[in-house]
Amino acid sequence: MEQFSANVFVLSFSAEGIEAIVNLTPIDEAHIMSKIAGGKESRSVNSILSMMQIRAQFNQHRKMEVWLVKLDETFTEESLIKLGQDDPQAIADLARMGENVYGIASPDRQVIT
């Protein structure tokens, strides 16, 4: 059986555009390795997700959404940022194929401009 290599990203955005794109895979790996080594703990995936959720909650007027999405390893933060700059709606549609962390996932979503 062939193993699928992937990166897990968290994306936050509103109708005003992309807010943040973070590749969580290397952050999670670094956090695990620092815990094993008994050294100072690095930022964890949970802390990043919590910060993004809090930001979205305090900006409810912007109707922000936060999504987790697992993508092929060929996707990078840089390639997703470029896609977001070229076609913000495409990045929102891609994110919405993942798991909703925060925000309303309704069929009448606003188009990102």
Protein backbone atom coordinates (compact mmCIF):
# COMPACT_ATOMS: atom_id res chain seq x y z
CA MET A 1 0.00 0.00 0.00
CA GLU A 2 1.36 3.42 -0.98
CA GLN A 3 1.52 5.96 1.81
CA PHE A 4 0.10 9.43 1.17
CA SER A 5 2.39 12.27 2.27
CA ALA A 6 0.53 15.39 3.20
CA ASN A 7 0.70 18.75 4.89
CA VAL A 8 -2.03 19.99 7.19
CA PHE A 9 -2.83 23.67 6.90
CA VAL A 10 -5.01 26.00 8.89
CA LEU A 11 -6.54 28.82 6.87
CA SER A 12 -8.49 31.81 8.14
CA PHE A 13 -10.34 34.28 5.98
CA SER A 14 -13.34 36.55 5.72
CA ALA A 15 -15.20 38.17 2.84
CA GLU A 16 -12.40 40.75 2.88
CA GLY A 17 -9.79 38.14 1.96
CA ILE A 18 -7.27 35.68 3.34
CA GLU A 19 -6.17 36.37 6.92
CA ALA A 20 -3.65 33.58 7.54
CA ILE A 21 -2.28 30.36 6.06
CA VAL A 22 -0.13 28.20 8.34
CA ASN A 23 1.40 24.79 7.59
CA LEU A 24 0.87 22.90 10.85
CA THR A 25 2.84 19.78 9.87
CA PRO A 26 6.37 21.05 10.66
CA ILE A 27 5.12 22.85 13.78
CA ASP A 28 3.61 19.62 15.11
CA GLU A 29 6.80 17.68 14.33
CA ALA A 30 8.97 20.29 16.11
CA HIS A 31 6.65 20.28 19.14
CA ILE A 32 6.80 16.49 19.43
CA MET A 33 10.60 16.41 19.06
CA SER A 34 11.10 19.11 21.72
CA LYS A 35 8.84 17.20 24.13
CA ILE A 36 10.77 13.97 23.51
CA ALA A 37 14.12 15.73 24.01
CA GLY A 38 12.91 17.27 27.25
CA GLY A 39 13.80 20.74 26.03
CA LYS A 40 11.78 23.91 25.95
CA GLU A 41 8.46 23.26 24.29
CA SER A 42 7.81 24.99 21.01
CA ARG A 43 4.45 26.39 19.95
CA SER A 44 1.92 23.64 19.55
CA VAL A 45 -0.74 23.20 16.92
CA ASN A 46 -3.39 23.66 19.62
CA SER A 47 -1.98 27.05 20.62
CA ILE A 48 -2.03 28.24 17.01
CA LEU A 49 -5.59 27.03 16.48
CA SER A 50 -6.68 28.68 19.75
CA MET A 51 -5.13 32.02 18.74
CA MET A 52 -6.85 31.92 15.35
CA GLN A 53 -10.21 31.04 16.91
CA ILE A 54 -9.92 33.86 19.45
CA ARG A 55 -9.07 36.33 16.68
CA ALA A 56 -12.10 35.16 14.69
CA GLN A 57 -14.38 35.43 17.75
CA PHE A 58 -13.24 38.98 18.46
CA ASN A 59 -13.83 39.90 14.81
CA GLN A 60 -17.32 38.43 14.45
CA HIS A 61 -18.44 41.44 12.45
CA ARG A 62 -16.09 40.23 9.68
CA LYS A 63 -17.72 36.74 9.66
CA MET A 64 -14.33 35.04 9.70
CA GLU A 65 -13.91 31.34 9.01
CA VAL A 66 -11.12 29.04 10.18
CA TRP A 67 -10.57 25.71 8.43
CA LEU A 68 -8.18 22.75 8.65
CA VAL A 69 -7.32 21.10 5.35
CA LYS A 70 -5.02 18.21 4.49
CA LEU A 71 -3.29 18.70 1.15
CA ASP A 72 -0.68 16.87 -0.89
CA GLU A 73 2.90 17.60 0.17
CA THR A 74 3.45 19.57 -3.04
CA PHE A 75 1.35 22.40 -1.53
CA THR A 76 3.34 24.91 0.50
CA GLU A 77 2.41 28.04 2.43
CA GLU A 78 3.97 30.06 -0.37
CA SER A 79 1.95 28.34 -3.12
CA LEU A 80 -1.29 28.77 -1.16
CA ILE A 81 -0.54 32.43 -0.46
CA LYS A 82 0.10 32.98 -4.18
CA LEU A 83 -3.16 31.21 -5.03
CA GLY A 84 -4.93 33.38 -2.45
CA GLN A 85 -3.52 36.53 -4.01
CA ASP A 86 -4.42 35.43 -7.54
CA ASP A 87 -7.84 33.95 -6.76
CA PRO A 88 -9.08 34.44 -3.18
CA GLN A 89 -12.31 32.55 -3.83
CA ALA A 90 -10.38 29.47 -5.01
CA ILE A 91 -8.44 29.31 -1.74
CA ALA A 92 -11.67 29.70 0.25
CA ASP A 93 -13.32 26.90 -1.75
CA LEU A 94 -10.26 24.70 -1.20
CA ALA A 95 -10.29 25.38 2.55
CA ARG A 96 -14.01 24.62 2.77
CA MET A 97 -13.29 21.07 1.61
CA GLY A 98 -11.56 20.55 4.96
CA GLU A 99 -12.77 20.58 8.53
CA ASN A 100 -14.48 23.69 9.88
CA VAL A 101 -12.81 24.94 13.07
CA TYR A 102 -14.67 28.22 13.44
CA GLY A 103 -17.25 30.19 11.50
CA ILE A 104 -20.53 29.51 9.85
CA ALA A 105 -20.41 26.80 7.22
CA SER A 106 -23.66 27.64 5.47
CA PRO A 107 -24.61 27.18 1.80
CA ASP A 108 -25.07 30.96 1.31
CA ARG A 109 -21.47 31.94 2.09
CA GLN A 110 -20.19 35.28 0.96
CA VAL A 111 -17.84 35.37 -1.99
CA ILE A 112 -14.35 36.53 -1.16
CA THR A 113 -13.17 39.54 -3.10
